[in-house]
Amino acid sequence: MTYKRILLKLSGESLMGDRQYGIDPKRLSEYAADIKKVIATGVQVAIVIGGGNIFRGVAGASKGMDRVQSDHMGMLATVINGLALQDALEDAGIPTRLQTAIRIDEVAEPFIRRRAMRHLEKGRVVIFGGGTGNPYFTTDSAAVLRAIEIEADVILKGTRVDGIYNVDPEKDSDAIKYDHISFDDVLRKGLKVMDTTAFTLSQENELPIIVFDMNKPGNLLKVVTGEQIGTTVNL
C-alpha cells in the first residue's frame, strides 16, 4: 500500500446525499462500503467529519448568535454525524471507536492520543468528533491536528468535486484541474483547499493533502493504492 495510516476528512454536507439537510442512510452505507475495502487492505483509517448538514457555527454567529455558543453547537453536530457513521461502519462489520474532544462519556470515548493509535493498530476505524474542542477552529483544523497527532501519512479530503481547479468547476466549464500542486502555489494562486489555519499547519508539518471525489464509489481505494485520483498538495 502507498499509505499505512490515513486521515479521511469528510464534510457534514457530504452526509446529506440528495437531501437538503440531515443525514442520508444510503450515503452512509456507500461510505462504509468504501472504507471497508480500504480496511481490508490493512490500511489504518481515522476520520474527521464536519457538522454543516446539521449546524454550522460560523453561520449561526453571522446571524447574531454568540460565536463561542454557536461553535459549541457545531461541535455537537459533528458528534451526531460521528455516531451515525459509526453505526453504518459497524453495520458493515467494521469495529469502530468514536472519540470526542469534548467529554460525553456516555456517548463516546474522550480523545486520548495513545488510545486512538492503539485502536488503529488493532484495525479499528477511529472517528474524531467535537472538532478541536475549542471555538474559532474549523473541522479542517481538527483534521490536520489529529492527523499530525496520530502520525498519519496523508490527509484525504473527500469532496463532491474531483480535485482542485483554478476556478470553481461548477460555475466555469473552462476550469483547469491540477493533478499536483505545491503548498506555496495554492497560497500564491489563492486557491481554496482548507481554511488558512489548517492549511498552514499541514504545510509546516509537511503533511500532504489529497482532494478527491468521495461520492464516486471506489475512489477512496484508488487513492489509497496510489492511483492518480484527485489533486495532491505537497511540498
Protein backbone atom coordinates (compact mmCIF):
# COMPACT_ATOMS: atom_id res chain seq x y z
CA MET A 1 0.00 0.00 0.00
CA THR A 2 1.08 3.58 -0.62
CA TYR A 3 -0.01 4.61 2.89
CA LYS A 4 -0.02 2.83 6.23
CA ARG A 5 -2.32 5.26 8.09
CA ILE A 6 -4.68 7.86 6.64
CA LEU A 7 -6.90 10.62 7.98
CA LEU A 8 -10.09 10.94 5.95
CA LYS A 9 -11.79 14.34 6.18
CA LEU A 10 -15.47 14.42 5.26
CA SER A 11 -17.75 17.43 5.25
CA GLY A 12 -21.03 17.28 7.09
CA GLU A 13 -22.79 18.26 3.87
CA SER A 14 -21.48 15.10 2.20
CA LEU A 15 -23.69 13.04 4.50
CA MET A 16 -26.84 14.73 3.17
CA GLY A 17 -26.77 12.85 -0.13
CA ASP A 18 -29.55 14.32 -2.24
CA ARG A 19 -31.32 15.80 0.78
CA GLN A 20 -31.38 19.46 1.75
CA TYR A 21 -30.27 18.77 5.33
CA GLY A 22 -29.68 15.96 7.81
CA ILE A 23 -28.24 12.50 7.14
CA ASP A 24 -28.89 10.16 4.21
CA PRO A 25 -28.59 6.48 5.31
CA LYS A 26 -27.86 5.45 1.71
CA ARG A 27 -24.85 7.79 1.55
CA LEU A 28 -23.61 6.47 4.91
CA SER A 29 -23.83 2.89 3.61
CA GLU A 30 -21.89 3.83 0.47
CA TYR A 31 -19.13 5.43 2.54
CA ALA A 32 -19.00 2.44 4.88
CA ALA A 33 -18.61 0.06 1.92
CA ASP A 34 -15.72 2.12 0.52
CA ILE A 35 -14.00 2.34 3.90
CA LYS A 36 -14.39 -1.42 4.41
CA LYS A 37 -12.47 -2.08 1.18
CA VAL A 38 -9.62 0.10 2.45
CA ILE A 39 -9.56 -1.58 5.86
CA ALA A 40 -9.34 -4.97 4.09
CA THR A 41 -6.01 -3.90 2.58
CA GLY A 42 -4.52 -3.34 6.05
CA VAL A 43 -4.50 0.46 5.86
CA GLN A 44 -5.39 2.16 9.15
CA VAL A 45 -8.24 4.68 8.86
CA ALA A 46 -9.08 7.66 11.05
CA ILE A 47 -11.92 10.04 10.17
CA VAL A 48 -12.94 13.61 10.96
CA ILE A 49 -16.43 14.78 9.92
CA GLY A 50 -17.83 18.27 9.79
CA GLY A 51 -21.27 19.22 11.07
CA GLY A 52 -22.58 21.56 8.38
CA ASN A 53 -25.51 19.30 7.50
CA ILE A 54 -26.90 19.94 10.98
CA PHE A 55 -25.44 23.21 12.25
CA ARG A 56 -22.54 25.40 11.21
CA GLY A 57 -21.04 27.58 13.93
CA VAL A 58 -19.92 30.39 11.64
CA ALA A 59 -23.39 30.59 10.08
CA GLY A 60 -25.00 30.85 13.49
CA ALA A 61 -22.62 33.60 14.54
CA SER A 62 -23.32 35.54 11.33
CA LYS A 63 -26.98 35.66 12.32
CA GLY A 64 -26.28 37.22 15.68
CA MET A 65 -25.55 34.23 17.92
CA ASP A 66 -22.65 34.31 20.33
CA ARG A 67 -19.71 32.82 18.40
CA VAL A 68 -18.50 30.59 21.23
CA GLN A 69 -22.00 29.25 21.88
CA SER A 70 -22.54 28.75 18.18
CA ASP A 71 -19.27 26.88 17.72
CA HIS A 72 -20.10 24.57 20.61
CA MET A 73 -23.36 23.70 18.85
CA GLY A 74 -21.35 22.93 15.72
CA MET A 75 -19.08 20.63 17.72
CA LEU A 76 -22.09 18.68 18.95
CA ALA A 77 -23.31 18.38 15.35
CA THR A 78 -20.04 16.65 14.44
CA VAL A 79 -20.61 14.16 17.26
CA ILE A 80 -24.06 13.34 15.90
CA ASN A 81 -22.52 12.71 12.47
CA GLY A 82 -19.79 10.62 14.07
CA LEU A 83 -22.38 8.43 15.80
CA ALA A 84 -24.24 7.98 12.51
CA LEU A 85 -21.09 6.97 10.64
CA GLN A 86 -20.03 4.67 13.47
CA ASP A 87 -23.37 2.90 13.24
CA ALA A 88 -23.03 2.48 9.47
CA LEU A 89 -19.48 1.15 9.76
CA GLU A 90 -20.40 -1.35 12.46
CA ASP A 91 -23.39 -2.49 10.39
CA ALA A 92 -20.79 -3.26 7.70
CA GLY A 93 -18.80 -5.33 10.19
CA ILE A 94 -16.06 -2.78 10.86
CA PRO A 95 -15.05 -2.27 14.52
CA THR A 96 -15.19 1.47 15.15
CA ARG A 97 -14.45 3.85 18.01
CA LEU A 98 -15.75 7.41 18.33
CA GLN A 99 -13.53 9.77 20.30
CA THR A 100 -14.56 13.32 21.12
CA ALA A 101 -12.63 16.46 22.01
CA ILE A 102 -15.39 17.44 24.44
CA ARG A 103 -16.27 14.85 27.07
CA ILE A 104 -19.53 12.98 26.51
CA ASP A 105 -18.61 9.84 28.39
CA GLU A 106 -21.97 8.10 27.95
CA VAL A 107 -21.73 8.50 24.18
CA ALA A 108 -18.07 8.26 23.19
CA GLU A 109 -14.53 7.94 24.44
CA PRO A 110 -12.59 11.12 25.23
CA PHE A 111 -9.79 11.80 22.75
CA ILE A 112 -6.62 10.18 24.06
CA ARG A 113 -3.83 10.05 21.51
CA ARG A 114 -2.23 6.80 22.63
CA ARG A 115 -5.59 5.05 22.87
CA ALA A 116 -6.53 6.26 19.38
CA MET A 117 -3.28 4.94 17.93
CA ARG A 118 -3.77 1.60 19.67
CA HIS A 119 -7.27 1.29 18.19
CA LEU A 120 -5.83 1.96 14.74
CA GLU A 121 -3.10 -0.64 15.23
CA LYS A 122 -5.82 -3.18 16.08
CA GLY A 123 -7.58 -2.48 12.80
CA ARG A 124 -10.38 -0.35 14.20
CA VAL A 125 -11.61 2.79 12.48
CA VAL A 126 -11.36 5.82 14.76
CA ILE A 127 -13.73 8.74 14.27
CA PHE A 128 -12.76 12.03 15.88
CA GLY A 129 -15.75 14.19 16.83
CA GLY A 130 -16.12 17.55 18.52
CA GLY A 131 -13.58 19.36 16.34
CA THR A 132 -10.56 20.53 18.34
CA GLY A 133 -12.78 21.11 21.37
CA ASN A 134 -12.22 24.85 21.04
CA PRO A 135 -14.32 27.58 19.42
CA TYR A 136 -12.97 29.54 16.43
CA PHE A 137 -11.37 26.42 14.92
CA THR A 138 -12.87 24.53 12.00
CA THR A 139 -13.05 20.79 11.47
CA ASP A 140 -10.38 21.28 8.79
CA SER A 141 -8.07 22.38 11.60
CA ALA A 142 -9.22 19.42 13.68
CA ALA A 143 -8.44 17.05 10.80
CA VAL A 144 -4.91 18.35 10.35
CA LEU A 145 -4.26 18.43 14.10
CA ARG A 146 -5.45 14.85 14.62
CA ALA A 147 -3.55 13.63 11.56
CA ILE A 148 -0.33 15.06 12.95
CA GLU A 149 -1.01 13.66 16.41
CA ILE A 150 -1.66 10.12 15.22
CA GLU A 151 1.22 10.30 12.72
CA ALA A 152 -0.94 9.79 9.64
CA ASP A 153 0.83 9.64 6.28
CA VAL A 154 -1.69 11.81 4.44
CA ILE A 155 -4.95 13.72 4.73
CA LEU A 156 -7.57 12.61 2.23
CA LYS A 157 -10.20 15.31 1.81
CA GLY A 158 -13.31 13.77 0.31
CA THR A 159 -15.45 16.30 -1.54
CA ARG A 160 -18.07 16.37 -4.29
CA VAL A 161 -15.55 17.57 -6.90
CA ASP A 162 -12.70 15.53 -8.32
CA GLY A 163 -9.82 17.76 -7.27
CA ILE A 164 -8.54 21.33 -7.11
CA TYR A 165 -9.22 23.70 -10.00
CA ASN A 166 -8.04 27.18 -10.85
CA VAL A 167 -11.68 28.35 -10.65
CA ASP A 168 -14.91 26.77 -9.44
CA PRO A 169 -15.64 23.93 -11.92
CA GLU A 170 -19.33 24.02 -11.02
CA LYS A 171 -19.52 27.61 -12.27
CA ASP A 172 -16.96 27.65 -15.08
CA SER A 173 -16.77 24.89 -17.68
CA ASP A 174 -13.28 26.07 -18.67
CA ALA A 175 -11.86 25.37 -15.20
CA ILE A 176 -8.44 23.71 -15.23
CA LYS A 177 -7.72 20.87 -12.84
CA TYR A 178 -4.37 20.40 -11.09
CA ASP A 179 -3.10 16.83 -10.63
CA HIS A 180 -0.27 18.01 -8.38
CA ILE A 181 0.33 21.40 -6.79
CA SER A 182 2.62 22.72 -4.08
CA PHE A 183 1.51 24.36 -0.84
CA ASP A 184 3.18 27.59 -1.95
CA ASP A 185 1.35 27.61 -5.28
CA VAL A 186 -2.00 27.06 -3.58
CA LEU A 187 -1.37 30.10 -1.40
CA ARG A 188 0.04 32.18 -4.25
CA LYS A 189 -2.92 31.44 -6.51
CA GLY A 190 -5.44 31.96 -3.70
CA LEU A 191 -6.99 28.51 -4.18
CA LYS A 192 -9.42 27.25 -1.57
CA VAL A 193 -8.37 23.85 -0.19
CA MET A 194 -8.77 24.26 3.57
CA ASP A 195 -9.02 27.25 5.87
CA THR A 196 -5.74 29.11 6.29
CA THR A 197 -5.02 27.85 9.82
CA ALA A 198 -5.44 24.21 8.82
CA PHE A 199 -3.55 24.57 5.55
CA THR A 200 -0.59 26.32 7.17
CA LEU A 201 -0.41 23.68 9.91
CA SER A 202 -0.34 20.96 7.28
CA GLN A 203 2.38 22.76 5.32
CA GLU A 204 4.56 23.33 8.39
CA ASN A 205 4.39 19.64 9.25
CA GLU A 206 4.97 18.51 5.64
CA LEU A 207 1.70 16.58 5.67
CA PRO A 208 0.38 16.05 2.13
CA ILE A 209 -3.28 16.58 1.27
CA ILE A 210 -5.21 14.79 -1.46
CA VAL A 211 -8.51 16.30 -2.56
CA PHE A 212 -10.78 13.86 -4.41
CA ASP A 213 -14.39 12.97 -5.20
CA MET A 214 -15.56 10.79 -2.33
CA ASN A 215 -19.02 10.33 -3.84
CA LYS A 216 -17.76 8.10 -6.66
CA PRO A 217 -17.66 4.51 -5.35
CA GLY A 218 -14.18 3.02 -5.39
CA ASN A 219 -12.29 6.32 -5.43
CA LEU A 220 -11.13 6.03 -1.83
CA LEU A 221 -9.48 2.67 -2.51
CA LYS A 222 -7.87 4.04 -5.67
CA VAL A 223 -6.35 6.94 -3.75
CA VAL A 224 -5.02 4.68 -1.00
CA THR A 225 -3.44 2.28 -3.51
CA GLY A 226 -1.62 5.12 -5.24
CA GLU A 227 -3.75 5.63 -8.34
CA GLN A 228 -3.83 9.21 -9.63
CA ILE A 229 -7.20 10.39 -8.39
CA GLY A 230 -7.96 14.00 -7.50
CA THR A 231 -5.27 16.54 -6.67
CA THR A 232 -2.22 16.04 -4.46
CA VAL A 233 -0.90 19.00 -2.47
CA ASN A 234 2.63 18.64 -1.12
CA LEU A 235 5.93 20.46 -0.83
